[in-house]
Amino acid sequence: MNFAIVEDCVVVNVAVSDSPLADNWIELPDGAGIGWSYIDGEFVDLRPDPEPTPVAAPTKEELLAQLQALQAQITALGE
């Protein structure tokens, strides 16, 4: 069985055992995990949404290469 190790109403770790080894070991449902909250006997995901990963803007050289490739495709269509 998987158990959540809960401290201050937050899952701080997960353990695998046949039975709970401490009072703060609570059987963990599928999908819940570290960082989840345990409130009123329920596991709740209150973690903030992850910050989006910034996408690097293309360089001038990359844009020119894309432009040249598109121009070649357009030219080929006209032939």
N, C-alpha and C. Protein backbone atom coordinates (compact mmCIF):
# COMPACT_ATOMS: atom_id res chain seq x y z
N MET A 1 0.83 -1.18 0.00
CA MET A 1 0.00 0.00 0.00
C MET A 1 0.88 1.25 0.00
N ASN A 2 0.36 2.31 -0.60
CA ASN A 2 1.04 3.60 -0.55
C ASN A 2 0.43 4.43 0.57
N PHE A 3 1.30 5.07 1.35
CA PHE A 3 0.85 5.91 2.44
C PHE A 3 1.42 7.31 2.28
N ALA A 4 0.57 8.30 2.53
CA ALA A 4 1.03 9.68 2.59
C ALA A 4 1.55 9.93 3.99
N ILE A 5 2.69 10.57 4.07
CA ILE A 5 3.20 11.02 5.36
C ILE A 5 2.82 12.49 5.45
N VAL A 6 1.90 12.79 6.36
CA VAL A 6 1.29 14.11 6.44
C VAL A 6 1.84 14.87 7.64
N GLU A 7 2.28 16.10 7.38
CA GLU A 7 2.73 17.01 8.44
C GLU A 7 2.07 18.36 8.19
N ASP A 8 1.46 18.92 9.21
CA ASP A 8 0.78 20.21 9.11
C ASP A 8 -0.18 20.25 7.91
N CYS A 9 -0.92 19.15 7.74
CA CYS A 9 -1.96 19.03 6.70
C CYS A 9 -1.41 18.99 5.28
N VAL A 10 -0.14 18.70 5.12
CA VAL A 10 0.46 18.62 3.79
C VAL A 10 1.21 17.30 3.66
N VAL A 11 1.07 16.66 2.49
CA VAL A 11 1.81 15.41 2.22
C VAL A 11 3.26 15.79 1.97
N VAL A 12 4.14 15.35 2.86
CA VAL A 12 5.56 15.68 2.74
C VAL A 12 6.38 14.53 2.16
N ASN A 13 5.80 13.33 2.15
CA ASN A 13 6.50 12.18 1.60
C ASN A 13 5.49 11.07 1.36
N VAL A 14 5.92 10.07 0.61
CA VAL A 14 5.08 8.91 0.33
C VAL A 14 5.90 7.67 0.67
N ALA A 15 5.25 6.69 1.31
CA ALA A 15 5.93 5.46 1.70
C ALA A 15 5.12 4.26 1.26
N VAL A 16 5.81 3.17 1.01
CA VAL A 16 5.16 1.90 0.67
C VAL A 16 5.34 0.96 1.87
N SER A 17 4.22 0.43 2.35
CA SER A 17 4.26 -0.44 3.52
C SER A 17 3.00 -1.29 3.54
N ASP A 18 3.04 -2.38 4.30
CA ASP A 18 1.86 -3.23 4.46
C ASP A 18 0.84 -2.58 5.39
N SER A 19 1.32 -1.70 6.27
CA SER A 19 0.43 -1.02 7.21
C SER A 19 1.08 0.30 7.62
N PRO A 20 0.29 1.23 8.13
CA PRO A 20 0.87 2.51 8.55
C PRO A 20 1.82 2.30 9.73
N LEU A 21 2.93 3.03 9.72
CA LEU A 21 3.92 2.88 10.78
C LEU A 21 3.89 4.04 11.77
N ALA A 22 3.03 5.03 11.51
CA ALA A 22 2.88 6.16 12.44
C ALA A 22 1.48 6.75 12.26
N ASP A 23 1.08 7.57 13.22
CA ASP A 23 -0.25 8.18 13.16
C ASP A 23 -0.42 9.10 11.96
N ASN A 24 0.68 9.66 11.48
CA ASN A 24 0.57 10.60 10.35
C ASN A 24 0.73 9.90 9.00
N TRP A 25 0.68 8.57 8.98
CA TRP A 25 0.70 7.81 7.72
C TRP A 25 -0.75 7.51 7.35
N ILE A 26 -1.18 8.04 6.21
CA ILE A 26 -2.57 7.90 5.79
C ILE A 26 -2.58 7.26 4.41
N GLU A 27 -3.45 6.26 4.24
CA GLU A 27 -3.50 5.57 2.94
C GLU A 27 -3.72 6.59 1.83
N LEU A 28 -2.90 6.49 0.81
CA LEU A 28 -2.88 7.47 -0.27
C LEU A 28 -3.68 6.98 -1.46
N PRO A 29 -4.66 7.76 -1.92
CA PRO A 29 -5.41 7.36 -3.11
C PRO A 29 -4.58 7.58 -4.38
N ASP A 30 -4.94 6.88 -5.43
CA ASP A 30 -4.26 7.08 -6.71
C ASP A 30 -4.38 8.53 -7.15
N GLY A 31 -3.30 9.07 -7.67
CA GLY A 31 -3.30 10.42 -8.19
C GLY A 31 -2.82 11.47 -7.21
N ALA A 32 -2.96 11.23 -5.92
CA ALA A 32 -2.50 12.19 -4.92
C ALA A 32 -1.02 11.95 -4.66
N GLY A 33 -0.34 12.99 -4.17
CA GLY A 33 1.08 12.82 -3.92
C GLY A 33 1.67 13.94 -3.10
N ILE A 34 2.97 14.01 -3.10
CA ILE A 34 3.71 15.00 -2.33
C ILE A 34 3.24 16.40 -2.73
N GLY A 35 3.03 17.23 -1.72
CA GLY A 35 2.59 18.60 -1.95
C GLY A 35 1.09 18.78 -1.84
N TRP A 36 0.34 17.69 -1.88
CA TRP A 36 -1.11 17.79 -1.74
C TRP A 36 -1.44 18.12 -0.29
N SER A 37 -2.63 18.67 -0.08
CA SER A 37 -3.11 18.96 1.27
C SER A 37 -4.03 17.84 1.73
N TYR A 38 -4.09 17.65 3.04
CA TYR A 38 -5.00 16.67 3.64
C TYR A 38 -5.88 17.45 4.61
N ILE A 39 -7.14 17.69 4.18
CA ILE A 39 -8.04 18.54 4.93
C ILE A 39 -9.35 17.79 5.19
N ASP A 40 -9.74 17.75 6.43
CA ASP A 40 -11.00 17.10 6.83
C ASP A 40 -11.13 15.69 6.26
N GLY A 41 -10.03 14.93 6.30
CA GLY A 41 -10.06 13.55 5.85
C GLY A 41 -10.02 13.35 4.35
N GLU A 42 -9.76 14.42 3.60
CA GLU A 42 -9.72 14.34 2.14
C GLU A 42 -8.38 14.88 1.63
N PHE A 43 -7.87 14.26 0.57
CA PHE A 43 -6.68 14.77 -0.11
C PHE A 43 -7.14 15.78 -1.16
N VAL A 44 -6.53 16.95 -1.13
CA VAL A 44 -6.91 18.04 -2.04
C VAL A 44 -5.64 18.62 -2.65
N ASP A 45 -5.66 18.84 -3.96
CA ASP A 45 -4.51 19.42 -4.63
C ASP A 45 -4.65 20.94 -4.64
N LEU A 46 -3.97 21.59 -3.71
CA LEU A 46 -4.00 23.05 -3.61
C LEU A 46 -2.68 23.67 -4.09
N ARG A 47 -1.87 22.86 -4.75
CA ARG A 47 -0.59 23.39 -5.23
C ARG A 47 -0.86 24.43 -6.32
N PRO A 48 -0.03 25.49 -6.36
CA PRO A 48 -0.22 26.48 -7.42
C PRO A 48 0.12 25.88 -8.78
N ASP A 49 -0.53 26.41 -9.81
CA ASP A 49 -0.21 25.96 -11.16
C ASP A 49 1.25 26.28 -11.46
N PRO A 50 1.94 25.38 -12.16
CA PRO A 50 3.34 25.66 -12.47
C PRO A 50 3.46 26.88 -13.39
N GLU A 51 4.55 27.59 -13.20
CA GLU A 51 4.81 28.75 -14.06
C GLU A 51 5.09 28.25 -15.47
N PRO A 52 4.54 28.92 -16.48
CA PRO A 52 4.83 28.49 -17.85
C PRO A 52 6.31 28.70 -18.16
N THR A 53 6.84 27.78 -18.94
CA THR A 53 8.24 27.88 -19.34
C THR A 53 8.34 28.90 -20.46
N PRO A 54 9.17 29.94 -20.26
CA PRO A 54 9.28 30.94 -21.31
C PRO A 54 9.90 30.33 -22.57
N VAL A 55 9.38 30.75 -23.69
CA VAL A 55 9.90 30.28 -24.97
C VAL A 55 10.82 31.36 -25.51
N ALA A 56 12.02 30.94 -25.86
CA ALA A 56 12.99 31.90 -26.37
C ALA A 56 12.54 32.38 -27.75
N ALA A 57 12.65 33.68 -27.95
CA ALA A 57 12.30 34.25 -29.25
C ALA A 57 13.34 33.80 -30.28
N PRO A 58 12.89 33.54 -31.52
CA PRO A 58 13.87 33.12 -32.53
C PRO A 58 14.84 34.26 -32.85
N THR A 59 16.03 33.87 -33.24
CA THR A 59 17.03 34.86 -33.61
C THR A 59 16.73 35.40 -35.01
N LYS A 60 17.37 36.49 -35.35
CA LYS A 60 17.21 37.08 -36.68
C LYS A 60 17.60 36.07 -37.75
N GLU A 61 18.67 35.33 -37.50
CA GLU A 61 19.14 34.34 -38.47
C GLU A 61 18.12 33.22 -38.65
N GLU A 62 17.50 32.79 -37.56
CA GLU A 62 16.49 31.73 -37.65
C GLU A 62 15.27 32.22 -38.43
N LEU A 63 14.85 33.45 -38.19
CA LEU A 63 13.72 34.00 -38.92
C LEU A 63 14.03 34.15 -40.40
N LEU A 64 15.23 34.59 -40.74
CA LEU A 64 15.62 34.71 -42.15
C LEU A 64 15.64 33.35 -42.83
N ALA A 65 16.11 32.32 -42.12
CA ALA A 65 16.13 30.98 -42.69
C ALA A 65 14.71 30.48 -42.94
N GLN A 66 13.79 30.76 -41.99
CA GLN A 66 12.39 30.38 -42.18
C GLN A 66 11.79 31.12 -43.37
N LEU A 67 12.11 32.40 -43.49
CA LEU A 67 11.61 33.20 -44.60
C LEU A 67 12.09 32.66 -45.94
N GLN A 68 13.36 32.31 -46.00
CA GLN A 68 13.91 31.76 -47.24
C GLN A 68 13.24 30.44 -47.59
N ALA A 69 13.00 29.59 -46.61
CA ALA A 69 12.33 28.31 -46.86
C ALA A 69 10.91 28.54 -47.38
N LEU A 70 10.20 29.50 -46.79
CA LEU A 70 8.84 29.81 -47.24
C LEU A 70 8.85 30.40 -48.65
N GLN A 71 9.81 31.26 -48.92
CA GLN A 71 9.90 31.84 -50.26
C GLN A 71 10.16 30.75 -51.30
N ALA A 72 10.99 29.78 -50.96
CA ALA A 72 11.26 28.68 -51.88
C ALA A 72 9.98 27.86 -52.12
N GLN A 73 9.20 27.64 -51.08
CA GLN A 73 7.94 26.90 -51.24
C GLN A 73 6.95 27.68 -52.11
N ILE A 74 6.88 28.98 -51.89
CA ILE A 74 5.98 29.82 -52.70
C ILE A 74 6.40 29.80 -54.17
N THR A 75 7.67 29.93 -54.41
CA THR A 75 8.20 29.90 -55.77
C THR A 75 7.88 28.56 -56.45
N ALA A 76 8.04 27.48 -55.71
CA ALA A 76 7.77 26.15 -56.25
C ALA A 76 6.28 26.00 -56.61
N LEU A 77 5.40 26.63 -55.86
CA LEU A 77 3.97 26.56 -56.17
C LEU A 77 3.63 27.28 -57.48
N GLY A 78 4.39 28.34 -57.79
CA GLY A 78 4.12 29.10 -59.00
C GLY A 78 4.67 28.45 -60.25
N GLU A 79 5.48 27.44 -60.09
CA GLU A 79 6.09 26.80 -61.28
C GLU A 79 5.19 25.77 -61.90
